[in-house]
Every structure is written in structure tokens, then in C-alpha cells.
Protein backbone atom coordinates (compact mmCIF):
# COMPACT_ATOMS: atom_id res chain seq x y z
CA MET A 1 53.92 92.73 118.82
CA GLN A 2 57.38 92.22 120.31
CA PRO A 3 58.17 94.46 123.34
CA ILE A 4 61.05 96.23 121.56
CA ASP A 5 58.93 97.01 118.49
CA GLN A 6 56.13 98.20 120.77
CA TYR A 7 58.57 100.52 122.56
CA ILE A 8 59.85 101.94 119.25
CA ASP A 9 56.27 102.60 118.07
CA GLU A 10 55.41 104.33 121.34
CA LEU A 11 58.59 106.44 121.15
CA TRP A 12 57.58 107.58 117.67
CA LEU A 13 54.11 108.54 118.86
CA GLU A 14 55.26 110.27 122.05
CA ARG A 15 58.43 112.04 120.92
CA GLY A 16 58.30 112.21 117.14
CA LEU A 17 61.89 110.97 116.75
CA SER A 18 63.39 110.55 113.28
CA GLU A 19 63.44 107.20 111.51
CA ASN A 20 67.25 107.11 111.74
CA THR A 21 67.18 107.65 115.53
CA LEU A 22 64.47 105.03 116.05
CA ALA A 23 66.36 102.53 113.87
CA ALA A 24 69.52 103.09 115.94
CA TYR A 25 67.59 102.54 119.19
CA ARG A 26 66.10 99.35 117.81
CA ARG A 27 69.52 98.02 116.73
CA ASP A 28 71.03 98.73 120.15
CA LEU A 29 68.17 97.06 121.98
CA LEU A 30 68.18 93.97 119.75
CA ALA A 31 71.97 93.69 120.15
CA ALA A 32 71.59 93.94 123.93
CA GLU A 33 68.92 91.24 123.93
CA GLN A 34 71.15 88.98 121.82
CA LEU A 35 74.08 89.53 124.18
CA LEU A 36 71.87 88.76 127.19
CA GLY A 37 70.45 85.63 125.63
CA LYS A 38 67.02 86.45 127.03
CA PRO A 39 64.27 89.08 126.57
CA LEU A 40 65.19 92.49 127.98
CA LEU A 41 62.15 92.51 130.27
CA GLU A 42 63.47 89.32 131.95
CA ALA A 43 66.96 90.70 132.61
CA ARG A 44 68.20 91.42 136.11
CA ALA A 45 70.75 94.02 137.19
CA SER A 46 73.44 91.30 137.41
CA ASP A 47 72.73 90.27 133.79
CA LEU A 48 73.15 93.84 132.57
CA ALA A 49 76.33 94.29 134.61
CA ALA A 50 77.76 91.15 133.00
CA CYS A 51 76.92 92.55 129.54
CA LEU A 52 78.60 95.82 130.43
CA SER A 53 81.73 93.96 131.54
CA GLU A 54 81.70 91.94 128.33
CA ARG A 55 81.61 95.11 126.22
CA VAL A 56 84.59 96.50 128.15
CA ALA A 57 86.48 93.22 127.67
CA GLN A 58 85.79 93.37 123.93
CA GLY A 59 87.40 96.82 123.76
CA ILE A 60 84.25 98.59 122.61
CA LYS A 61 84.70 102.35 122.82
CA PRO A 62 83.31 104.04 125.98
CA ARG A 63 81.18 106.44 123.91
CA SER A 64 79.50 103.55 122.13
CA THR A 65 78.89 101.77 125.44
CA ALA A 66 77.49 104.96 126.98
CA ARG A 67 75.02 105.27 124.10
CA TRP A 68 74.09 101.60 124.47
CA LEU A 69 73.48 101.98 128.21
CA SER A 70 71.53 105.21 127.73
CA CYS A 71 69.29 103.41 125.25
CA LEU A 72 68.72 100.56 127.71
CA ARG A 73 67.89 102.98 130.52
CA GLY A 74 65.33 104.72 128.35
CA TYR A 75 63.76 101.38 127.52
CA TYR A 76 63.53 100.27 131.15
CA ARG A 77 62.24 103.64 132.44
CA HIS A 78 59.53 103.47 129.79
CA ALA A 79 58.66 99.88 130.79
CA VAL A 80 58.33 100.88 134.47
CA ARG A 81 56.18 103.88 133.54
CA LYS A 82 53.89 101.65 131.44
CA GLY A 83 53.60 99.07 134.23
CA ARG A 84 55.47 96.34 132.35
CA LEU A 85 58.17 96.19 135.04
CA GLU A 86 58.14 96.92 138.77
CA GLU A 87 61.69 98.30 138.89
CA ASP A 88 64.44 99.39 136.52
CA PRO A 89 67.29 96.81 136.46
CA SER A 90 69.65 99.33 134.81
CA SER A 91 69.36 101.99 137.52
CA SER A 92 72.46 100.81 139.42
CA LEU A 93 74.76 100.68 136.38
CA SER A 94 77.32 103.47 135.91
CA LEU A 95 78.11 105.14 132.62
CA PRO A 96 81.73 104.80 131.45
CA LYS A 97 83.81 107.96 131.76
CA LEU A 98 83.98 109.92 128.52
CA GLY A 99 86.48 112.42 127.30
CA ARG A 100 84.98 115.44 125.58
CA ALA A 101 85.20 114.67 121.87
CA LEU A 102 85.94 117.66 119.68
CA PRO A 103 84.21 117.43 116.30
CA GLY A 104 86.38 117.23 113.21
CA THR A 105 86.08 120.20 110.89
CA LEU A 106 87.49 121.71 107.70
CA SER A 107 89.37 124.93 107.08
CA GLY A 108 87.75 127.66 105.02
CA GLU A 109 90.00 126.81 102.09
CA GLU A 110 89.10 123.11 102.30
CA VAL A 111 85.40 123.98 102.39
CA ASP A 112 85.85 126.10 99.24
CA ARG A 113 87.50 123.16 97.44
CA LEU A 114 84.80 120.73 98.54
CA LEU A 115 81.92 123.00 97.58
CA THR A 116 83.30 123.59 94.08
CA ALA A 117 84.17 119.91 93.43
CA PRO A 118 80.85 118.98 91.70
CA ASP A 119 80.65 119.72 87.97
CA ALA A 120 77.92 122.37 87.82
CA ASP A 121 77.56 121.86 84.04
CA THR A 122 75.66 118.61 84.65
CA PRO A 123 72.21 118.34 86.29
CA GLU A 124 73.51 116.05 89.05
CA GLY A 125 76.55 118.23 89.61
CA LEU A 126 74.51 121.42 89.90
CA ARG A 127 72.15 119.66 92.32
CA ASP A 128 75.03 118.41 94.46
CA ARG A 129 76.71 121.83 94.38
CA ALA A 130 73.49 123.45 95.60
CA MET A 131 73.08 120.80 98.30
CA LEU A 132 76.63 121.28 99.57
CA GLU A 133 76.21 125.05 99.65
CA VAL A 134 72.93 124.81 101.62
CA LEU A 135 74.45 122.21 103.97
CA TYR A 136 77.36 124.52 104.82
CA ALA A 137 75.51 127.86 104.65
CA CYS A 138 72.75 126.68 106.99
CA GLY A 139 74.55 124.14 109.19
CA LEU A 140 71.96 121.46 108.48
CA ARG A 141 72.07 117.79 109.33
CA ILE A 142 72.15 115.66 106.16
CA SER A 143 68.80 114.12 107.12
CA GLU A 144 67.32 117.63 107.34
CA LEU A 145 68.77 118.60 103.97
CA VAL A 146 67.49 115.62 101.98
CA SER A 147 64.02 115.90 103.52
CA LEU A 148 63.55 119.56 102.54
CA PRO A 149 60.38 120.12 100.52
CA VAL A 150 60.22 122.82 97.85
CA VAL A 151 57.98 124.92 100.08
CA ALA A 152 60.67 125.06 102.81
CA ILE A 153 62.75 127.48 100.71
CA ASN A 154 61.83 131.17 100.70
CA LEU A 155 64.19 132.84 98.23
CA ARG A 156 62.52 136.22 98.65
CA GLN A 157 63.30 136.31 102.37
CA GLY A 158 66.49 134.26 102.03
CA VAL A 159 65.60 131.64 104.64
CA VAL A 160 64.92 127.92 104.84
CA ARG A 161 62.37 126.38 107.20
CA VAL A 162 63.91 123.26 108.75
CA VAL A 163 62.16 120.49 110.66
CA GLY A 164 64.76 119.08 113.03
CA LYS A 165 64.87 116.55 115.85
CA GLY A 166 61.65 116.14 117.79
CA ALA A 167 59.77 117.76 114.88
CA LYS A 168 60.99 121.19 116.02
CA GLU A 169 60.95 123.89 113.35
CA ARG A 170 63.51 126.64 112.89
CA LEU A 171 64.22 129.33 110.30
CA VAL A 172 67.83 129.56 109.09
CA PRO A 173 69.33 132.26 106.81
CA MET A 174 70.70 130.83 103.55
CA GLY A 175 73.24 133.36 102.27
CA GLU A 176 73.47 134.76 98.77
CA ARG A 177 75.66 132.01 97.27
CA ALA A 178 73.41 129.19 98.44
CA MET A 179 70.30 131.08 97.30
CA SER A 180 71.77 131.67 93.86
CA LEU A 181 72.69 128.02 93.38
CA VAL A 182 69.31 126.76 94.61
CA GLU A 183 67.61 129.15 92.19
CA ASP A 184 69.76 127.92 89.28
CA TYR A 185 69.18 124.29 90.25
CA PHE A 186 65.43 124.76 90.58
CA ALA A 187 65.15 126.53 87.23
CA SER A 188 67.19 124.04 85.20
CA ALA A 189 68.72 120.89 86.73
CA ARG A 190 65.65 119.89 88.77
CA VAL A 191 63.44 120.11 85.67
CA VAL A 192 65.82 117.82 83.75
CA LEU A 193 66.09 115.33 86.62
CA LEU A 194 62.32 115.09 87.08
CA ASN A 195 61.71 114.82 83.32
CA GLY A 196 58.04 115.81 83.54
CA ARG A 197 57.32 114.11 86.87
CA ALA A 198 56.08 115.93 89.95
CA SER A 199 57.75 115.86 93.36
CA GLU A 200 57.40 117.81 96.60
CA ALA A 201 61.06 117.15 97.44
CA LEU A 202 63.51 119.96 96.74
CA PHE A 203 66.52 117.79 95.86
CA VAL A 204 65.64 114.91 93.53
CA THR A 205 67.25 112.12 91.51
CA ARG A 206 66.64 111.03 87.92
CA ARG A 207 64.16 108.48 89.31
CA GLY A 208 62.02 111.37 90.48
CA SER A 209 62.51 110.50 94.16
CA ALA A 210 64.11 112.57 96.89
CA MET A 211 67.87 112.28 97.24
CA SER A 212 68.61 109.78 99.99
CA ARG A 213 70.82 110.46 103.00
CA GLN A 214 73.11 107.55 102.17
CA ASN A 215 73.58 108.47 98.50
CA PHE A 216 74.41 112.07 99.32
CA TRP A 217 76.88 111.00 102.00
CA TYR A 218 78.63 108.79 99.43
CA ALA A 219 78.67 111.78 97.07
CA ILE A 220 80.33 113.98 99.73
CA LYS A 221 83.11 111.43 100.22
CA ARG A 222 83.59 111.23 96.45
CA TYR A 223 83.81 115.02 96.15
CA ALA A 224 86.28 115.12 99.06
CA LEU A 225 88.65 112.97 97.00
CA VAL A 226 88.16 115.25 93.99
CA ALA A 227 88.99 118.21 96.26
CA ASP A 228 92.13 116.42 97.53
CA ILE A 229 90.77 116.32 101.11
CA HIS A 230 91.99 113.24 102.96
CA LYS A 231 90.73 113.99 106.45
CA SER A 232 88.34 111.62 108.16
CA LEU A 233 84.90 113.05 107.35
CA SER A 234 81.59 112.45 109.09
CA PRO A 235 78.06 113.26 107.92
CA HIS A 236 78.26 116.29 110.23
CA THR A 237 81.59 117.66 108.95
CA LEU A 238 80.11 120.65 107.11
CA ARG A 239 77.73 121.29 110.02
CA HIS A 240 80.76 121.41 112.32
CA ALA A 241 82.55 123.73 109.90
CA PHE A 242 79.50 126.01 109.77
CA ALA A 243 79.43 126.40 113.55
CA THR A 244 83.20 126.69 114.01
CA HIS A 245 83.65 129.27 111.25
CA LEU A 246 80.78 131.40 112.58
CA LEU A 247 82.28 131.44 116.08
CA ASP A 248 85.77 132.07 114.68
CA ASN A 249 84.39 135.21 113.06
CA GLY A 250 82.66 136.53 116.17
CA ALA A 251 79.14 135.10 115.93
CA ASP A 252 77.06 135.00 119.12
CA LEU A 253 76.92 131.52 120.68
CA ARG A 254 73.15 131.66 121.22
CA ALA A 255 72.57 132.67 117.60
CA VAL A 256 74.61 129.65 116.48
CA GLN A 257 72.60 127.48 118.89
CA MET A 258 69.34 128.63 117.28
CA MET A 259 70.62 128.02 113.75
CA LEU A 260 71.86 124.54 114.63
CA GLY A 261 68.60 123.69 116.37
CA HIS A 262 70.26 122.66 119.64
CA SER A 263 67.83 122.60 122.56
CA ASP A 264 70.67 122.93 125.08
CA LEU A 265 73.38 125.60 124.88
CA SER A 266 75.95 123.19 126.33
CA THR A 267 75.72 121.14 123.12
CA THR A 268 76.74 124.21 121.10
CA GLN A 269 79.51 125.18 123.51
CA ILE A 270 81.69 122.33 122.28
CA TYR A 271 82.44 124.48 119.23
CA THR A 272 84.04 127.13 121.43
CA HIS A 273 86.52 124.42 122.46
CA VAL A 274 87.24 123.74 118.79
CA ALA A 275 87.93 127.44 118.20
CA GLN A 276 90.19 127.62 121.28
CA ALA A 277 92.11 124.52 120.18
CA ARG A 278 92.71 126.08 116.76
CA LEU A 279 93.94 129.32 118.32
CA LYS A 280 96.37 127.40 120.53
CA ALA A 281 97.69 125.48 117.52
CA LEU A 282 98.18 128.73 115.58
CA HIS A 283 99.97 130.30 118.52
CA SER A 284 102.23 127.29 118.97
CA THR A 285 103.10 127.20 115.27
CA HIS A 286 103.60 130.87 114.51
CA HIS A 287 104.51 132.68 117.72
CA PRO A 288 108.27 133.09 118.33
CA ARG A 289 107.87 131.72 121.84
CA GLY A 290 105.10 129.27 121.08
């Protein structure tokens, strides 16, 4: 087995990372090895420094380079711990300086337009409407949403059990609108889509398989056009809107942290900056002395 593949397998066993995260790590490591022109375990600090300089010269964004270097450091620390290397050649490299990126979000009115864009009179439309409502009502990652099994939904208690990063579980309230749509979808559209087949997945396609992350992301972009939303969207846009709108309306930061499944409060605190930025913009636009 190649060293990179061995590392990815060991990461999966030790940390239970998602397939998407592991695939991203593998891509970064293979790209680094290609740029080096030699196996990663044979690289010296000077080789890695030259690669870092090459990335800067190519104009690659600092955030992308920081992720790349963080991935390399994890690989080399693991190799030292396993006795495959005597010392970490990446330890002397410095991360590029990063500005604090504020996540893009949608206004409440834009969220309303997006969530009502699917045609709920069709099985696929009702499914997508229910998925969008759950995504926004619960602040889920798309990967968490599409992997929900039927048993994760408790309509009697109004909560969804989510398995997030690192296989950590959390319970998130759903809200009446999301619950109602999931109930309607489960009673009608899901039956039509499955057409007599069985599936443990909550959100399914006409093939009887679980809705994929990629297909639902394409659907969101399509519905954004229907809703006349021309902002740059990301797979996390509704998750960002969930957190920002809760904080805008006085929600406790730690409660939002728990619902998002963040292990570190500092990760959630970025949304307070979003709220402050919006307040400043409102003040500047509407105050007589703004």
C-alpha cells in the first residue's frame, strides 16, 4: 500500500473522518507529492519551502495554501509518531497570514424565496422543499442532511439526531414548518419515489438510493435562480443563514454552537462578526449621520 493511502486508512480508523474530508486530504497530499517530484517521505524542509514559494508565485490564495500546509503537517506528524520518519520536515514552515473570512449569508426574505422555490406538487419538489427546510431549520451540513436515516427523525419530540464530524452525535430541534414538510414528504412523495423499494435513507431519489450531496447542491443552485437570488452561494449558505439569523434574534452563542456541532466556541463566534457587520451596514445606510 502506498504511504499516502496508508495514512488515509489510518486516519479513518483513528479519527472517523468523513469520506469527503479524507478525499480532500488525499487530493492535497497527492498534489504536494506531484509538485515535489518525489515521495513525501523523502522530502526535506528545503523542498517543502520551495513548494510553498511556488504556490505563492502562482497566486494561490493564502487560505488554500494554509489548508495545504496544515494537511502536510498532519501527515508528517503522523509519520514521525508511527516511526516512519525521524523528524518532521514541515515543522519550520510558517503558515501564510489569513484575514478572517466572514461567511456569506442570505436575508430572511431571500431564505423564504429559496425555500419556496421547489414545486411541492411534484414528488421531487416536495422532497427538495422538505430538505431545504430541514437544512435551514437545523443548520445542518449538506453531507449531514443527505446521510440522515429515517430513524434519525423524531416527529413526536420535534428533533433530529445528527451524526457530524468525528462521528459526534447531536440532537437539533426541527421547528414546526420543517416537521410538517417532512411528515408530508414521508407520507406521500417518498412512497412514490421508492415505488415499492425499501431504503433506510430519509431523502431518496427515483432510483431508490439516497440523495447525493452533489445532486442536492446542484438543486440548490437551480432553485436560487428560480428565486431570483444571484449571490455567490456555497454548500454552507443556509447553515450560515441559520446561525446568523438565530444570533440576530438574540439566541445564546453556546446554544448555537451546540446546534451547529462546533467543538470550539471560537468557530461559532465568527457569526457574531457577521451580525455586527450587518448592523454597521444598516446604521450607515439608514442613520441620518451614518
